[in-house]
C-alpha atoms as a PDB file:
ATOM      1  CA  ILE A   1      86.446 107.895 111.214  1.00  0.00           C
ATOM      2  CA  VAL A   2      87.847 109.263 114.462  1.00  0.00           C
ATOM      3  CA  LEU A   3      91.423 110.488 114.836  1.00  0.00           C
ATOM      4  CA  THR A   4      92.538 111.076 118.421  1.00  0.00           C
ATOM      5  CA  LYS A   5      95.619 111.319 120.589  1.00  0.00           C
ATOM      6  CA  ASP A   6      93.837 109.928 123.670  1.00  0.00           C
ATOM      7  CA  HIS A   7      96.022 106.845 124.065  1.00  0.00           C
ATOM      8  CA  ARG A   8      94.484 106.132 127.500  1.00  0.00           C
ATOM      9  CA  ILE A   9      91.164 105.194 125.866  1.00  0.00           C
ATOM     10  CA  ARG A  10      92.263 101.571 125.773  1.00  0.00           C
ATOM     11  CA  TYR A  11      91.911 101.550 129.581  1.00  0.00           C
ATOM     12  CA  ARG A  12      88.477 103.231 129.679  1.00  0.00           C
ATOM     13  CA  HIS A  13      85.862 100.574 129.087  1.00  0.00           C
ATOM     14  CA  MET A  14      82.871 102.917 128.769  1.00  0.00           C
ATOM     15  CA  GLU A  15      84.609 105.148 126.203  1.00  0.00           C
ATOM     16  CA  ARG A  16      85.683 102.115 124.152  1.00  0.00           C
ATOM     17  CA  LEU A  17      82.148 100.764 124.331  1.00  0.00           C
ATOM     18  CA  ALA A  18      80.715 104.103 123.154  1.00  0.00           C
ATOM     19  CA  LEU A  19      83.036 104.130 120.123  1.00  0.00           C
ATOM     20  CA  MET A  20      82.154 100.560 119.248  1.00  0.00           C
ATOM     21  CA  LYS A  21      78.393 101.163 119.626  1.00  0.00           C
ATOM     22  CA  ALA A  22      78.702 104.235 117.383  1.00  0.00           C
ATOM     23  CA  GLY A  23      80.190 102.006 114.678  1.00  0.00           C
ATOM     24  CA  VAL A  24      83.293 104.121 114.133  1.00  0.00           C
ATOM     25  CA  ALA A  25      86.769 103.417 112.913  1.00  0.00           C
ATOM     26  CA  ALA A  26      88.945 105.057 115.568  1.00  0.00           C
ATOM     27  CA  PHE A  27      92.658 105.664 115.074  1.00  0.00           C
ATOM     28  CA  ILE A  28      94.640 106.594 118.180  1.00  0.00           C
ATOM     29  CA  LEU A  29      98.024 108.276 118.030  1.00  0.00           C
ATOM     30  CA  THR A  30      99.977 106.500 120.760  1.00  0.00           C
ATOM     31  CA  SER A  31     102.966 108.824 121.042  1.00  0.00           C
ATOM     32  CA  GLY A  32     102.605 111.466 123.712  1.00  0.00           C
ATOM     33  CA  ASP A  33     104.065 114.950 124.189  1.00  0.00           C
ATOM     34  CA  LEU A  34     104.025 115.875 120.507  1.00  0.00           C
ATOM     35  CA  GLN A  35     103.447 119.298 119.019  1.00  0.00           C
ATOM     36  CA  GLY A  36     100.643 119.825 116.491  1.00  0.00           C
ATOM     37  CA  ALA A  37     102.974 119.792 113.490  1.00  0.00           C
ATOM     38  CA  GLU A  38     104.543 116.510 114.653  1.00  0.00           C
ATOM     39  CA  MET A  39     101.135 114.890 115.093  1.00  0.00           C
ATOM     40  CA  ALA A  40     100.039 116.092 111.663  1.00  0.00           C
ATOM     41  CA  LYS A  41     103.197 114.659 110.081  1.00  0.00           C
ATOM     42  CA  ILE A  42     102.557 111.259 111.690  1.00  0.00           C
ATOM     43  CA  PHE A  43      98.919 111.222 110.532  1.00  0.00           C
ATOM     44  CA  VAL A  44      99.958 112.193 106.991  1.00  0.00           C
ATOM     45  CA  THR A  45     102.662 109.498 106.967  1.00  0.00           C
ATOM     46  CA  ALA A  46     100.098 106.960 108.198  1.00  0.00           C
ATOM     47  CA  LEU A  47      97.380 107.968 105.712  1.00  0.00           C
ATOM     48  CA  PRO A  48      98.139 105.238 103.115  1.00  0.00           C
ATOM     49  CA  ARG A  49      98.225 102.644 105.898  1.00  0.00           C
ATOM     50  CA  ILE A  50      94.982 104.009 107.361  1.00  0.00           C
ATOM     51  CA  THR A  51      93.314 103.728 103.946  1.00  0.00           C
ATOM     52  CA  GLY A  52      94.514 100.151 103.536  1.00  0.00           C
ATOM     53  CA  PHE A  53      93.467  99.293 107.072  1.00  0.00           C
ATOM     54  CA  LEU A  54      89.945 100.608 106.413  1.00  0.00           C
ATOM     55  CA  LYS A  55      89.655  98.346 103.352  1.00  0.00           C
ATOM     56  CA  LYS A  56      90.728  95.244 105.296  1.00  0.00           C
ATOM     57  CA  HIS A  57      88.887  95.711 108.605  1.00  0.00           C
ATOM     58  CA  PRO A  58      85.132  96.137 109.024  1.00  0.00           C
ATOM     59  CA  LYS A  59      83.949  98.839 111.414  1.00  0.00           C
ATOM     60  CA  PRO A  60      83.706  99.247 114.325  1.00  0.00           C
ATOM     61  CA  PHE A  61      87.284  99.030 115.507  1.00  0.00           C
ATOM     62  CA  ILE A  62      89.941 100.893 117.425  1.00  0.00           C
ATOM     63  CA  ALA A  63      93.444 100.934 115.969  1.00  0.00           C
ATOM     64  CA  LYS A  64      96.644 102.609 117.049  1.00  0.00           C
ATOM     65  CA  ILE A  65      99.072 104.672 115.031  1.00  0.00           C
ATOM     66  CA  ALA A  66     102.697 104.581 116.146  1.00  0.00           C
ATOM     67  CA  LYS A  67     105.199 107.387 115.739  1.00  0.00           C
ATOM     68  CA  ASP A  68     106.607 105.705 112.617  1.00  0.00           C
ATOM     69  CA  GLY A  69     103.151 105.753 110.984  1.00  0.00           C
ATOM     70  CA  SER A  70     102.459 102.048 111.407  1.00  0.00           C
ATOM     71  CA  VAL A  71      98.865 101.039 112.139  1.00  0.00           C
ATOM     72  CA  SER A  72      97.700  98.058 114.205  1.00  0.00           C
ATOM     73  CA  LEU A  73      94.406  96.830 115.601  1.00  0.00           C
ATOM     74  CA  LEU A  74      93.627  97.263 119.302  1.00  0.00           C
ATOM     75  CA  PHE A  75      89.929  96.312 119.556  1.00  0.00           C
ATOM     76  CA  GLN A  76      87.291  95.000 117.202  1.00  0.00           C
END
C-alpha cells in the first residue's frame, strides 16, 4: 500500500504505469497545501474507508482521498 500526496501522478503516465506494474494499492491525498498534522488527520479519518476499499478492489489500483476522507478509484 502506498500513501502519497503527489496528486499530479494522475497526469504522469510512466509513474502510473510503474505503480500498476508493481501491483500496489496507491492512495493519493488530493488536497494540496496541508500541514503534516492535517494530512495525518485526513488519512486517519479515511482509514476505515481505505480498509473497505481494499476489500472491494483487487490490486493494482490508484485511488484518491479527498479532504473529507472519502475514497474513490482513479485507475485500475
